[in-house]
Amino acid sequence: PASNQNVVRPRPTPPSASRKKLGLSLVSECDHFGEFEARSRNFIVNFVALETLIKNLGCKKCGGVVNIEEVEGERNGLASKFCIMCTSCHHDFSVWTSDKCTGRPNMFETNIRLFYGLRCIGRGLDSGKVLCALLNLPPPSTARGKYTDLLHESIETVAKGSMAAAAKEAVELNLNEPNTDLSIAFDGSWQKRGFRSKNGYATITNLDTGKVLDTEVLTKFCSGCSKLPKLPPKDNAKKIQHERNCVKNYEGASGGMEGVGAVTMFNRSIAEKGVRYMEMLGDGDSKAFERVKSAQPYGPTFDIRKIECVGHVEKRMGTRLRNLKQKMKGIKLSDDKPLGGAHRLTDKRIDQLQSYYGKAIRDNSGDLQGMRRAVWATYCHSRSTDEKPEHQLCPEGPNSWCKYNIAKHEGTLSSFQHKNSLPEPVVEAIRPVYKALVAPDLLRKCLHGKTQNVNESFNNVVWTRVPKGTFVGKKTLEIGVWDSVLTFNDGNKGRLHTLEQLGVRDLGKFTVRALHRLDLERLRKAEKAAEDMTKDARVKKRRQMLAEEEDLNEDYCPGGF
């Protein structure tokens, strides 16, 4: 019908990053994990209740009363050995409360599950002791080193397999012409805030899939090194042994970990994954790209290109406008008024201009001239008045973000009024900022339209497993990083592969079901966050808060009255 021709229909919500990575259906309850063996179940049972139950059973040989007892001296962490004995014929039968790990006769599944579970939630053995105490369970195994080594070895194997599969997936995205030259996003993170951290890591993710391709953990700390000065001068054997086992792999300022990690991962990309990283998206203030460029990992003739994170470039608009506002504080413009203040360059308006700048970049991915035109459109739009409208660069038609051009399309310009236009002196004062941020050399690096959000999201996952407030050694940090890789790339399915690698024979019904439901919950949250209405609500709320804060600042200004 003609009446519906100009209806602006809502854009469909794009799939969330989690859905792209996991590929799960929200209605699927078992297909994703159907490959795993899951028959067993674990329960916490009060021993008195178990004892009462057993006493109501009869001996299978003589029918006599049977008792159950824990075999003294046989307990191994959470694993206990129970013995059932007939009080009449003394026939007995004993069984462990936990299976042993396949190929590891002295290691029990229950203990490794506890150690792995604690690391997944960012806790160690001390927390495990408290947990067991409050649950009235035996204390955890004291063989911390043995179980940590097993977990470290197993999770490394599975995580590297996940990253290799992610690289293969990225190569095969174009089925007609597989491409081994990939565009990646790079980022580094440190355990301690600031640049004095002894631990850090660097990560490479694929721009197309969002999955982690490689990661490198770096540390300036080794507990063994601190013990060397205490050794006798003649004890060279231990010193030589320590040199082989020293975990310290970085020296220098903590800020340099990013560059070393980047070079290390670039250097091994061909040998380990059969790919080259041709475009590198990273922080504008990071020196990692220059380190990689100088290292020439693919030879002197292969040009690695630097591309910019759209999110970081967008923030430059806000940063430069705020710096300009601060710099010109107390200086009057040509209209004898300051740059800031009511109806001028307020913090709320800066936030708005920054948002418009970022949108102009994202909406014109792959089109340099369109991108520059869109940025200048936001500039001209902000200065337009009823007497002098400047909307020639704004998009036209009913779907335009420009209300003036919508009114023009609908034939209602006669009643249209400009609101919140920036005064001409203010617009002229901020023009140099726009000229700098619309430079072709800068925007050319943003044509991909991508951000570092994936890497930053991964960092958040890591630091939930390795809390920044608790110092850990390199091995523990690697366990946290590798477990993050598994769940980030493949969901909790990766943890089931880790349990298999650890030698757990039957993963268990509760384990498989619970981890699958966690993935479904992750998808539901991601889908909700991806909805345009949800995003618009967050932006609107933030702008409202800024406006309220602006009003408060104007109410109290020392010396302003």
Protein backbone atom coordinates (compact mmCIF):
# COMPACT_ATOMS: atom_id res chain seq x y z
CA PRO A 1 0.00 0.00 0.00
CA ALA A 2 1.10 3.52 -0.72
CA SER A 3 0.71 4.54 2.91
CA ASN A 4 3.45 2.13 3.92
CA GLN A 5 6.05 3.20 1.37
CA ASN A 6 7.82 5.63 3.69
CA VAL A 7 7.67 3.52 6.84
CA VAL A 8 11.13 3.22 8.41
CA ARG A 9 11.44 -0.39 9.47
CA PRO A 10 13.80 -1.37 12.30
CA ARG A 11 17.05 -2.96 11.24
CA PRO A 12 17.39 -6.64 12.11
CA THR A 13 19.71 -7.21 15.03
CA PRO A 14 23.03 -8.66 13.78
CA PRO A 15 24.19 -11.91 15.39
CA SER A 16 26.27 -11.44 18.51
CA ALA A 17 29.99 -12.25 18.58
CA SER A 18 29.28 -15.20 20.88
CA ARG A 19 26.79 -16.67 18.40
CA LYS A 20 29.29 -16.32 15.57
CA LYS A 21 31.95 -18.16 17.58
CA LEU A 22 29.83 -20.87 19.15
CA GLY A 23 27.26 -21.35 16.40
CA LEU A 24 24.75 -22.70 18.94
CA SER A 25 21.00 -22.71 18.61
CA LEU A 26 19.27 -21.34 21.67
CA VAL A 27 16.73 -24.15 21.50
CA SER A 28 19.37 -26.87 21.30
CA GLU A 29 19.83 -28.70 24.59
CA CYS A 30 22.15 -31.55 23.72
CA ASP A 31 23.42 -31.48 20.11
CA HIS A 32 26.39 -29.25 20.93
CA PHE A 33 27.74 -31.69 23.55
CA GLY A 34 26.38 -34.93 22.15
CA GLU A 35 29.84 -36.34 21.38
CA PHE A 36 30.82 -36.67 25.05
CA GLU A 37 30.46 -39.69 27.30
CA ALA A 38 28.31 -38.67 30.27
CA ARG A 39 26.74 -41.39 32.42
CA SER A 40 28.19 -40.91 35.90
CA ARG A 41 26.95 -38.48 38.57
CA ASN A 42 28.56 -37.21 41.77
CA PHE A 43 26.66 -36.43 44.98
CA ILE A 44 27.66 -35.08 48.37
CA VAL A 45 26.38 -37.69 50.84
CA ASN A 46 26.26 -37.48 54.63
CA PHE A 47 28.20 -40.51 55.88
CA VAL A 48 25.69 -41.26 58.65
CA ALA A 49 22.90 -41.42 56.08
CA LEU A 50 25.03 -43.74 53.93
CA GLU A 51 25.84 -45.90 56.95
CA THR A 52 22.15 -46.19 57.81
CA LEU A 53 21.35 -47.18 54.23
CA ILE A 54 24.04 -49.86 54.15
CA LYS A 55 22.90 -51.39 57.45
CA ASN A 56 19.50 -52.00 55.91
CA LEU A 57 21.09 -54.20 53.28
CA GLY A 58 22.09 -57.82 53.70
CA CYS A 59 25.32 -59.66 52.93
CA LYS A 60 25.04 -61.28 49.51
CA LYS A 61 26.72 -64.45 50.85
CA CYS A 62 25.04 -65.08 54.19
CA GLY A 63 22.39 -62.41 54.46
CA GLY A 64 23.96 -60.96 57.59
CA VAL A 65 24.14 -57.30 58.63
CA VAL A 66 26.80 -55.24 56.87
CA ASN A 67 28.69 -52.15 58.02
CA ILE A 68 30.57 -49.52 56.03
CA GLU A 69 33.75 -47.80 57.17
CA GLU A 70 36.40 -45.54 55.68
CA VAL A 71 39.72 -47.35 55.35
CA GLU A 72 42.21 -45.51 57.55
CA GLY A 73 45.34 -44.18 55.86
CA GLU A 74 43.91 -44.63 52.35
CA ARG A 75 42.40 -41.19 51.84
CA ASN A 76 43.80 -39.10 48.96
CA GLY A 77 42.39 -35.59 49.04
CA LEU A 78 38.67 -35.79 48.32
CA ALA A 79 38.98 -39.46 47.34
CA SER A 80 38.33 -41.95 50.15
CA LYS A 81 38.34 -45.73 50.24
CA PHE A 82 35.24 -47.33 51.75
CA CYS A 83 35.01 -50.92 52.93
CA ILE A 84 31.76 -52.85 53.38
CA MET A 85 32.06 -55.83 55.75
CA CYS A 86 29.57 -58.44 56.89
CA THR A 87 29.35 -58.70 60.69
CA SER A 88 28.57 -62.42 60.43
CA CYS A 89 30.79 -64.03 57.77
CA HIS A 90 33.26 -61.11 57.56
CA HIS A 91 33.04 -61.02 53.77
CA ASP A 92 34.26 -57.59 52.67
CA PHE A 93 34.33 -55.40 49.60
CA SER A 94 36.16 -52.07 49.17
CA VAL A 95 35.81 -49.26 46.63
CA TRP A 96 37.24 -45.78 46.06
CA THR A 97 34.80 -42.87 46.02
CA SER A 98 36.45 -41.54 42.85
CA ASP A 99 37.82 -43.05 39.66
CA LYS A 100 41.50 -42.64 38.96
CA CYS A 101 42.65 -40.61 35.97
CA THR A 102 43.36 -42.75 32.93
CA GLY A 103 47.07 -43.52 32.71
CA ARG A 104 47.76 -41.86 36.08
CA PRO A 105 47.31 -44.50 38.81
CA ASN A 106 47.98 -42.16 41.75
CA MET A 107 45.76 -39.26 40.65
CA PHE A 108 42.02 -39.14 41.26
CA GLU A 109 39.37 -37.50 39.10
CA THR A 110 37.67 -35.77 42.03
CA ASN A 111 40.91 -34.04 43.02
CA ILE A 112 41.73 -32.83 39.52
CA ARG A 113 38.15 -31.60 39.07
CA LEU A 114 38.51 -29.54 42.26
CA PHE A 115 41.87 -28.05 41.22
CA TYR A 116 40.56 -27.24 37.73
CA GLY A 117 37.31 -25.80 39.08
CA LEU A 118 39.14 -23.53 41.51
CA ARG A 119 41.34 -22.17 38.72
CA CYS A 120 38.26 -21.57 36.53
CA ILE A 121 36.82 -19.25 39.18
CA GLY A 122 40.12 -17.55 39.95
CA ARG A 123 40.91 -19.33 43.21
CA GLY A 124 43.70 -21.56 44.51
CA LEU A 125 44.30 -24.29 47.07
CA ASP A 126 43.74 -22.06 50.12
CA SER A 127 40.24 -21.24 48.88
CA GLY A 128 39.70 -24.93 48.26
CA LYS A 129 40.52 -25.67 51.89
CA VAL A 130 37.92 -23.16 53.08
CA LEU A 131 35.32 -24.54 50.67
CA CYS A 132 35.90 -28.12 51.78
CA ALA A 133 35.82 -27.10 55.43
CA LEU A 134 32.44 -25.39 55.11
CA LEU A 135 31.03 -28.33 53.12
CA ASN A 136 32.31 -30.72 55.83
CA LEU A 137 34.48 -32.52 53.28
CA PRO A 138 38.01 -33.88 53.69
CA PRO A 139 40.72 -31.29 52.90
CA PRO A 140 42.00 -31.10 49.30
CA SER A 141 45.07 -33.02 48.24
CA THR A 142 48.30 -31.37 49.31
CA ALA A 143 49.98 -32.45 46.07
CA ARG A 144 49.42 -28.99 44.62
CA GLY A 145 52.46 -29.13 42.33
CA LYS A 146 51.58 -32.51 40.86
CA TYR A 147 48.02 -31.55 39.99
CA THR A 148 49.03 -28.09 38.75
CA ASP A 149 51.61 -29.60 36.41
CA LEU A 150 49.04 -32.05 35.03
CA LEU A 151 46.46 -29.31 34.54
CA HIS A 152 49.02 -27.01 32.92
CA GLU A 153 50.16 -29.69 30.49
CA SER A 154 46.64 -30.80 29.56
CA ILE A 155 45.05 -27.39 29.13
CA GLU A 156 48.01 -26.20 27.04
CA THR A 157 47.47 -29.08 24.62
CA VAL A 158 43.75 -28.38 24.24
CA ALA A 159 44.16 -24.59 24.01
CA LYS A 160 46.81 -24.83 21.29
CA GLY A 161 44.53 -27.19 19.39
CA SER A 162 41.72 -24.64 19.67
CA MET A 163 43.92 -21.82 18.37
CA ALA A 164 45.17 -23.99 15.49
CA ALA A 165 41.57 -24.79 14.56
CA ALA A 166 40.70 -21.08 14.76
CA ALA A 167 43.54 -20.29 12.33
CA LYS A 168 42.32 -22.98 9.93
CA GLU A 169 38.78 -21.61 10.14
CA ALA A 170 40.02 -18.10 9.34
CA VAL A 171 41.96 -19.39 6.32
CA GLU A 172 38.95 -21.29 4.99
CA LEU A 173 36.41 -18.49 5.41
CA ASN A 174 36.62 -17.95 1.68
CA LEU A 175 36.01 -21.49 0.42
CA ASN A 176 36.68 -20.59 -3.20
CA GLU A 177 40.10 -19.11 -2.48
CA PRO A 178 41.56 -19.92 0.96
CA ASN A 179 43.86 -17.13 2.13
CA THR A 180 46.73 -17.70 4.57
CA ASP A 181 47.42 -13.95 4.92
CA LEU A 182 45.20 -12.84 7.80
CA SER A 183 44.11 -9.54 9.31
CA ILE A 184 44.47 -9.61 13.07
CA ALA A 185 43.87 -7.52 16.18
CA PHE A 186 46.65 -7.37 18.75
CA ASP A 187 46.56 -6.32 22.38
CA GLY A 188 48.53 -6.74 25.58
CA SER A 189 47.45 -6.77 29.19
CA TRP A 190 49.16 -6.76 32.58
CA GLN A 191 48.19 -8.41 35.84
CA LYS A 192 49.06 -5.37 37.94
CA ARG A 193 47.62 -2.03 36.97
CA GLY A 194 50.20 0.40 35.66
CA PHE A 195 53.58 -0.44 34.20
CA ARG A 196 55.21 -2.15 37.18
CA SER A 197 53.61 -5.54 36.66
CA LYS A 198 55.81 -8.62 36.76
CA ASN A 199 53.29 -10.59 34.70
CA GLY A 200 51.59 -9.87 31.40
CA TYR A 201 50.47 -11.47 28.18
CA ALA A 202 49.78 -10.56 24.57
CA THR A 203 46.98 -11.85 22.35
CA ILE A 204 46.26 -12.08 18.65
CA THR A 205 42.66 -12.46 17.45
CA ASN A 206 41.32 -12.80 13.93
CA LEU A 207 39.36 -9.78 12.70
CA ASP A 208 36.88 -11.90 10.74
CA THR A 209 36.04 -14.65 13.25
CA GLY A 210 36.86 -12.89 16.51
CA LYS A 211 38.63 -16.01 17.79
CA VAL A 212 41.99 -16.13 19.53
CA LEU A 213 44.78 -17.30 17.20
CA ASP A 214 47.74 -17.05 19.56
CA THR A 215 48.77 -15.81 22.97
CA GLU A 216 52.08 -15.35 24.77
CA VAL A 217 52.54 -15.06 28.54
CA LEU A 218 55.53 -13.07 29.79
CA THR A 219 56.97 -12.75 33.28
CA LYS A 220 59.88 -11.06 35.01
CA PHE A 221 59.52 -13.26 38.08
CA CYS A 222 60.91 -16.69 38.92
CA SER A 223 60.72 -18.08 42.46
CA GLY A 224 63.76 -20.25 41.77
CA CYS A 225 65.91 -17.24 40.91
CA SER A 226 65.29 -15.75 44.35
CA LYS A 227 66.73 -18.90 45.95
CA LEU A 228 69.97 -18.95 43.94
CA PRO A 229 71.92 -16.49 46.17
CA LYS A 230 71.27 -18.77 49.15
CA LEU A 231 72.93 -21.78 47.51
CA PRO A 232 76.54 -22.64 48.44
CA PRO A 233 79.09 -21.31 45.91
CA LYS A 234 80.13 -24.85 44.96
CA ASP A 235 76.57 -26.05 44.29
CA ASN A 236 76.80 -25.52 40.52
CA ALA A 237 74.61 -28.52 39.65
CA LYS A 238 71.48 -26.92 41.10
CA LYS A 239 72.30 -23.62 39.44
CA ILE A 240 72.68 -25.31 36.05
CA GLN A 241 69.43 -27.21 36.59
CA HIS A 242 67.63 -23.99 37.45
CA GLU A 243 68.88 -22.30 34.29
CA ARG A 244 67.14 -25.02 32.29
CA ASN A 245 63.89 -24.69 34.26
CA CYS A 246 63.80 -20.92 34.85
CA VAL A 247 60.37 -19.55 33.92
CA LYS A 248 61.48 -15.93 33.56
CA ASN A 249 61.18 -15.01 29.88
CA TYR A 250 61.31 -11.21 29.93
CA GLU A 251 63.55 -8.47 31.29
CA GLY A 252 63.03 -4.75 31.02
CA ALA A 253 60.20 -2.29 31.52
CA SER A 254 56.78 -3.92 31.85
CA GLY A 255 55.39 -1.78 29.05
CA GLY A 256 57.74 -3.51 26.62
CA MET A 257 56.07 -6.89 27.14
CA GLU A 258 53.58 -6.07 24.38
CA GLY A 259 56.28 -5.66 21.75
CA VAL A 260 58.20 -8.80 22.74
CA GLY A 261 54.99 -10.84 22.79
CA ALA A 262 53.98 -9.55 19.37
CA VAL A 263 57.33 -10.38 17.77
CA THR A 264 57.32 -13.86 19.32
CA MET A 265 53.86 -14.68 17.95
CA PHE A 266 54.56 -13.24 14.50
CA ASN A 267 57.81 -15.24 14.29
CA ARG A 268 56.06 -18.58 14.91
CA SER A 269 52.86 -18.01 12.91
CA ILE A 270 54.07 -19.84 9.79
CA ALA A 271 55.69 -22.78 11.59
CA GLU A 272 52.82 -23.41 14.02
CA LYS A 273 49.74 -22.31 12.07
CA GLY A 274 50.76 -21.93 8.45
CA VAL A 275 49.60 -18.30 8.27
CA ARG A 276 51.02 -14.80 8.01
CA TYR A 277 49.59 -11.74 9.70
CA MET A 278 49.45 -9.09 6.98
CA GLU A 279 47.39 -6.42 8.78
CA MET A 280 47.75 -5.56 12.46
CA LEU A 281 45.11 -3.64 14.38
CA GLY A 282 46.38 -2.29 17.67
CA ASP A 283 46.50 0.60 20.11
CA GLY A 284 47.56 3.90 18.65
CA ASP A 285 49.96 4.40 21.57
CA SER A 286 51.50 0.92 21.42
CA LYS A 287 55.03 0.41 20.06
CA ALA A 288 54.34 -3.25 19.29
CA PHE A 289 53.80 -2.60 15.58
CA GLU A 290 57.16 -0.88 15.23
CA ARG A 291 58.84 -3.83 16.98
CA VAL A 292 57.18 -6.27 14.59
CA LYS A 293 58.01 -4.11 11.58
CA SER A 294 61.69 -4.01 12.57
CA ALA A 295 61.81 -7.77 13.21
CA GLN A 296 60.68 -8.56 9.62
CA PRO A 297 59.16 -11.94 10.59
CA TYR A 298 58.24 -12.74 6.98
CA GLY A 299 61.29 -11.29 5.30
CA PRO A 300 62.19 -7.79 4.08
CA THR A 301 59.80 -7.86 1.10
CA PHE A 302 56.59 -8.63 3.02
CA ASP A 303 54.88 -5.42 4.12
CA ILE A 304 52.88 -5.71 7.35
CA ARG A 305 50.29 -2.93 7.42
CA LYS A 306 49.10 -1.05 10.49
CA ILE A 307 45.37 -0.48 10.80
CA GLU A 308 43.59 1.49 13.50
CA CYS A 309 40.97 0.45 16.02
CA VAL A 310 37.84 2.42 15.14
CA GLY A 311 36.95 2.65 18.82
CA HIS A 312 40.31 4.18 19.73
CA VAL A 313 40.18 6.60 16.79
CA GLU A 314 36.66 7.62 17.80
CA LYS A 315 37.90 8.43 21.31
CA ARG A 316 40.49 10.79 19.83
CA MET A 317 37.67 13.16 18.90
CA GLY A 318 36.47 13.36 22.49
CA THR A 319 40.00 13.57 23.90
CA ARG A 320 41.07 16.37 21.58
CA LEU A 321 37.91 18.39 22.09
CA ARG A 322 38.23 18.10 25.88
CA ASN A 323 41.90 19.07 25.70
CA LEU A 324 41.00 22.05 23.52
CA LYS A 325 38.28 23.08 25.96
CA GLN A 326 40.71 22.87 28.88
CA LYS A 327 43.44 24.70 26.97
CA MET A 328 41.10 27.58 26.08
CA LYS A 329 39.65 27.88 29.56
CA GLY A 330 39.40 31.58 30.41
CA ILE A 331 39.92 32.66 26.79
CA LYS A 332 37.07 34.54 25.08
CA LEU A 333 36.09 33.78 21.49
CA SER A 334 35.04 36.35 18.89
CA ASP A 335 31.56 36.59 20.44
CA ASP A 336 33.16 37.50 23.78
CA LYS A 337 32.15 34.16 25.32
CA PRO A 338 34.22 31.11 26.32
CA LEU A 339 34.40 27.88 24.35
CA GLY A 340 32.56 25.92 27.04
CA GLY A 341 29.42 26.65 28.99
CA ALA A 342 25.68 26.31 28.49
CA HIS A 343 24.59 25.90 24.85
CA ARG A 344 28.25 25.73 23.77
CA LEU A 345 30.90 22.98 23.90
CA THR A 346 29.66 21.08 26.95
CA ASP A 347 30.87 17.63 27.98
CA LYS A 348 27.55 16.24 26.80
CA ARG A 349 28.03 17.85 23.37
CA ILE A 350 31.59 16.53 23.13
CA ASP A 351 30.32 13.04 23.87
CA GLN A 352 27.71 13.49 21.16
CA LEU A 353 30.20 14.73 18.56
CA GLN A 354 32.51 11.83 19.38
CA SER A 355 29.64 9.39 18.87
CA TYR A 356 28.74 10.99 15.51
CA TYR A 357 32.37 10.77 14.40
CA GLY A 358 32.56 7.07 15.25
CA LYS A 359 29.27 6.35 13.50
CA ALA A 360 30.45 8.14 10.37
CA ILE A 361 33.48 5.84 10.26
CA ARG A 362 31.55 2.62 10.93
CA ASP A 363 28.74 3.39 8.48
CA ASN A 364 31.21 3.91 5.62
CA SER A 365 33.53 0.93 5.96
CA GLY A 366 35.52 0.44 2.77
CA ASP A 367 34.65 3.90 1.38
CA LEU A 368 37.28 6.52 2.18
CA GLN A 369 35.57 9.42 0.44
CA GLY A 370 32.21 8.46 1.89
CA MET A 371 33.79 8.34 5.32
CA ARG A 372 35.31 11.81 5.00
CA ARG A 373 32.06 13.22 3.63
CA ALA A 374 30.11 11.72 6.54
CA VAL A 375 32.47 13.23 9.12
CA TRP A 376 32.21 16.70 7.57
CA ALA A 377 28.44 16.21 7.40
CA THR A 378 28.31 15.91 11.20
CA TYR A 379 30.45 19.05 11.50
CA CYS A 380 28.27 21.12 9.18
CA HIS A 381 25.10 19.70 10.73
CA SER A 382 26.17 20.90 14.18
CA ARG A 383 26.56 24.51 12.98
CA SER A 384 23.36 24.72 10.93
CA THR A 385 20.74 27.32 11.82
CA ASP A 386 17.34 28.36 10.45
CA GLU A 387 19.01 31.33 8.77
CA LYS A 388 21.89 29.29 7.38
CA PRO A 389 21.12 25.55 7.02
CA GLU A 390 24.13 23.43 6.02
CA HIS A 391 22.79 19.95 5.38
CA GLN A 392 24.06 19.44 1.85
CA LEU A 393 26.41 16.67 3.05
CA CYS A 394 23.84 14.94 5.27
CA PRO A 395 22.14 11.80 3.91
CA GLU A 396 18.78 12.41 2.28
CA GLY A 397 15.49 10.56 2.34
CA PRO A 398 13.20 9.14 5.05
CA ASN A 399 15.94 7.00 6.62
CA SER A 400 18.36 9.88 7.17
CA TRP A 401 19.64 10.64 10.66
CA CYS A 402 19.30 14.32 9.73
CA LYS A 403 15.89 15.63 10.85
CA TYR A 404 16.19 18.59 8.46
CA ASN A 405 16.47 16.31 5.43
CA ILE A 406 13.64 14.12 6.72
CA ALA A 407 11.45 17.22 6.94
CA LYS A 408 12.60 18.17 3.45
CA HIS A 409 11.61 14.74 2.14
CA GLU A 410 8.20 14.97 3.85
CA GLY A 411 7.61 18.55 2.67
CA THR A 412 7.42 20.02 6.18
CA LEU A 413 10.44 22.36 6.07
CA SER A 414 8.25 25.39 6.64
CA SER A 415 7.58 24.27 10.21
CA PHE A 416 11.06 22.88 10.93
CA GLN A 417 13.23 24.62 13.51
CA HIS A 418 16.89 23.99 14.30
CA LYS A 419 17.64 23.19 17.92
CA ASN A 420 20.92 23.07 19.86
CA SER A 421 23.06 24.49 17.05
CA LEU A 422 26.61 25.35 18.06
CA PRO A 423 27.52 29.06 17.78
CA GLU A 424 29.71 29.96 14.82
CA PRO A 425 32.77 30.94 16.96
CA VAL A 426 32.64 27.56 18.72
CA VAL A 427 32.43 25.66 15.44
CA GLU A 428 35.37 27.58 14.02
CA ALA A 429 37.40 26.86 17.16
CA ILE A 430 36.94 23.10 16.81
CA ARG A 431 37.49 23.02 13.04
CA PRO A 432 41.26 22.20 13.34
CA VAL A 433 40.38 19.10 15.37
CA TYR A 434 38.08 17.90 12.59
CA LYS A 435 40.68 18.64 9.93
CA ALA A 436 43.22 16.50 11.76
CA LEU A 437 40.83 13.60 12.34
CA VAL A 438 39.49 13.53 8.79
CA ALA A 439 42.98 13.16 7.28
CA PRO A 440 43.02 10.46 4.56
CA ASP A 441 46.09 8.74 6.05
CA LEU A 442 44.22 8.23 9.33
CA LEU A 443 40.83 7.23 7.94
CA ARG A 444 42.44 4.89 5.42
CA LYS A 445 43.54 2.79 8.39
CA CYS A 446 39.91 2.61 9.56
CA LEU A 447 38.35 1.32 6.34
CA HIS A 448 38.00 -2.15 7.87
CA GLY A 449 35.53 -0.78 10.44
CA LYS A 450 36.83 -3.08 13.20
CA THR A 451 37.71 -2.49 16.84
CA GLN A 452 39.77 -4.05 19.62
CA ASN A 453 36.62 -4.88 21.54
CA VAL A 454 37.23 -8.60 21.02
CA ASN A 455 40.68 -8.42 22.62
CA GLU A 456 39.41 -6.30 25.49
CA SER A 457 36.57 -8.76 26.03
CA PHE A 458 39.12 -11.58 26.14
CA ASN A 459 41.16 -9.65 28.71
CA ASN A 460 38.11 -9.44 30.95
CA VAL A 461 37.68 -13.20 30.70
CA VAL A 462 41.32 -13.79 31.68
CA TRP A 463 41.28 -11.54 34.73
CA THR A 464 38.20 -13.27 36.15
CA ARG A 465 40.33 -16.43 36.26
CA VAL A 466 43.47 -14.68 37.48
CA PRO A 467 42.38 -11.79 39.73
CA LYS A 468 44.61 -8.74 39.45
CA GLY A 469 44.76 -8.36 43.21
CA THR A 470 46.50 -11.72 43.73
CA PHE A 471 50.03 -12.30 42.43
CA VAL A 472 50.56 -15.64 40.69
CA GLY A 473 53.42 -17.43 38.98
CA LYS A 474 53.78 -17.91 35.24
CA LYS A 475 52.30 -21.41 35.25
CA THR A 476 49.11 -20.29 37.01
CA LEU A 477 48.75 -17.31 34.67
CA GLU A 478 49.15 -19.59 31.65
CA ILE A 479 46.44 -21.91 32.98
CA GLY A 480 44.11 -18.92 33.30
CA VAL A 481 44.94 -17.59 29.83
CA TRP A 482 44.58 -20.98 28.14
CA ASP A 483 41.28 -21.75 29.86
CA SER A 484 40.07 -18.35 28.66
CA VAL A 485 41.10 -19.25 25.11
CA LEU A 486 39.03 -22.44 25.27
CA THR A 487 35.83 -20.85 26.50
CA PHE A 488 36.27 -17.74 24.35
CA ASN A 489 36.75 -19.71 21.13
CA ASP A 490 34.63 -22.79 21.70
CA GLY A 491 32.52 -22.19 24.78
CA ASN A 492 32.52 -24.57 27.73
CA LYS A 493 32.85 -27.46 25.30
CA GLY A 494 36.58 -26.74 25.44
CA ARG A 495 36.61 -27.50 29.15
CA LEU A 496 35.18 -30.94 28.46
CA HIS A 497 38.08 -31.59 26.08
CA THR A 498 40.42 -30.53 28.88
CA LEU A 499 38.81 -33.00 31.29
CA GLU A 500 39.29 -35.72 28.69
CA GLN A 501 42.94 -34.72 28.28
CA LEU A 502 43.32 -34.90 32.07
CA GLY A 503 42.26 -38.53 31.96
CA VAL A 504 38.69 -38.20 33.26
CA ARG A 505 36.95 -41.32 31.92
CA ASP A 506 33.31 -40.27 32.24
CA LEU A 507 32.71 -36.53 32.11
CA GLY A 508 29.45 -36.87 34.02
CA LYS A 509 25.85 -35.93 33.29
CA PHE A 510 25.82 -32.95 35.62
CA THR A 511 29.07 -31.57 34.18
CA VAL A 512 27.99 -31.82 30.55
CA ARG A 513 24.51 -30.47 31.22
CA ALA A 514 25.67 -27.56 33.39
CA LEU A 515 28.44 -26.42 31.04
CA HIS A 516 26.06 -26.55 28.09
CA ARG A 517 23.53 -24.44 29.95
CA LEU A 518 26.26 -21.92 30.75
CA ASP A 519 26.90 -21.58 27.01
CA LEU A 520 23.19 -21.08 26.36
CA GLU A 521 23.07 -18.40 29.05
CA ARG A 522 26.12 -16.72 27.51
CA LEU A 523 24.31 -16.62 24.17
CA ARG A 524 21.13 -15.21 25.66
CA LYS A 525 23.04 -12.40 27.34
CA ALA A 526 25.04 -11.68 24.18
CA GLU A 527 21.92 -11.60 22.00
CA LYS A 528 20.21 -9.21 24.39
CA ALA A 529 23.24 -6.91 24.47
CA ALA A 530 23.37 -6.91 20.66
CA GLU A 531 19.85 -5.61 20.22
CA ASP A 532 19.73 -2.10 18.83
CA MET A 533 17.10 -1.02 21.33
CA THR A 534 19.27 -2.15 24.21
CA LYS A 535 22.26 -0.27 22.83
CA ASP A 536 20.22 2.87 22.22
CA ALA A 537 18.90 2.73 25.78
CA ARG A 538 22.44 2.55 27.17
CA VAL A 539 23.61 5.51 25.08
CA LYS A 540 20.54 7.54 26.02
CA LYS A 541 21.05 6.80 29.72
CA ARG A 542 24.72 7.80 29.54
CA ARG A 543 23.89 11.08 27.82
CA GLN A 544 21.23 11.80 30.43
CA MET A 545 23.78 11.24 33.21
CA LEU A 546 26.25 13.56 31.48
CA ALA A 547 23.57 16.24 31.14
CA GLU A 548 22.69 15.98 34.83
CA GLU A 549 26.37 16.19 35.78
CA GLU A 550 26.76 19.24 33.51
CA ASP A 551 23.86 20.96 35.30
CA LEU A 552 25.43 20.23 38.67
CA ASN A 553 28.77 21.63 37.53
CA GLU A 554 27.08 24.84 36.41
CA ASP A 555 25.31 25.17 39.76
CA TYR A 556 28.64 25.12 41.62
CA CYS A 557 31.53 27.01 40.07
CA PRO A 558 34.07 28.54 42.50
CA GLY A 559 34.56 32.21 41.66
CA GLY A 560 32.05 32.01 38.84
CA PHE A 561 29.51 34.38 40.33
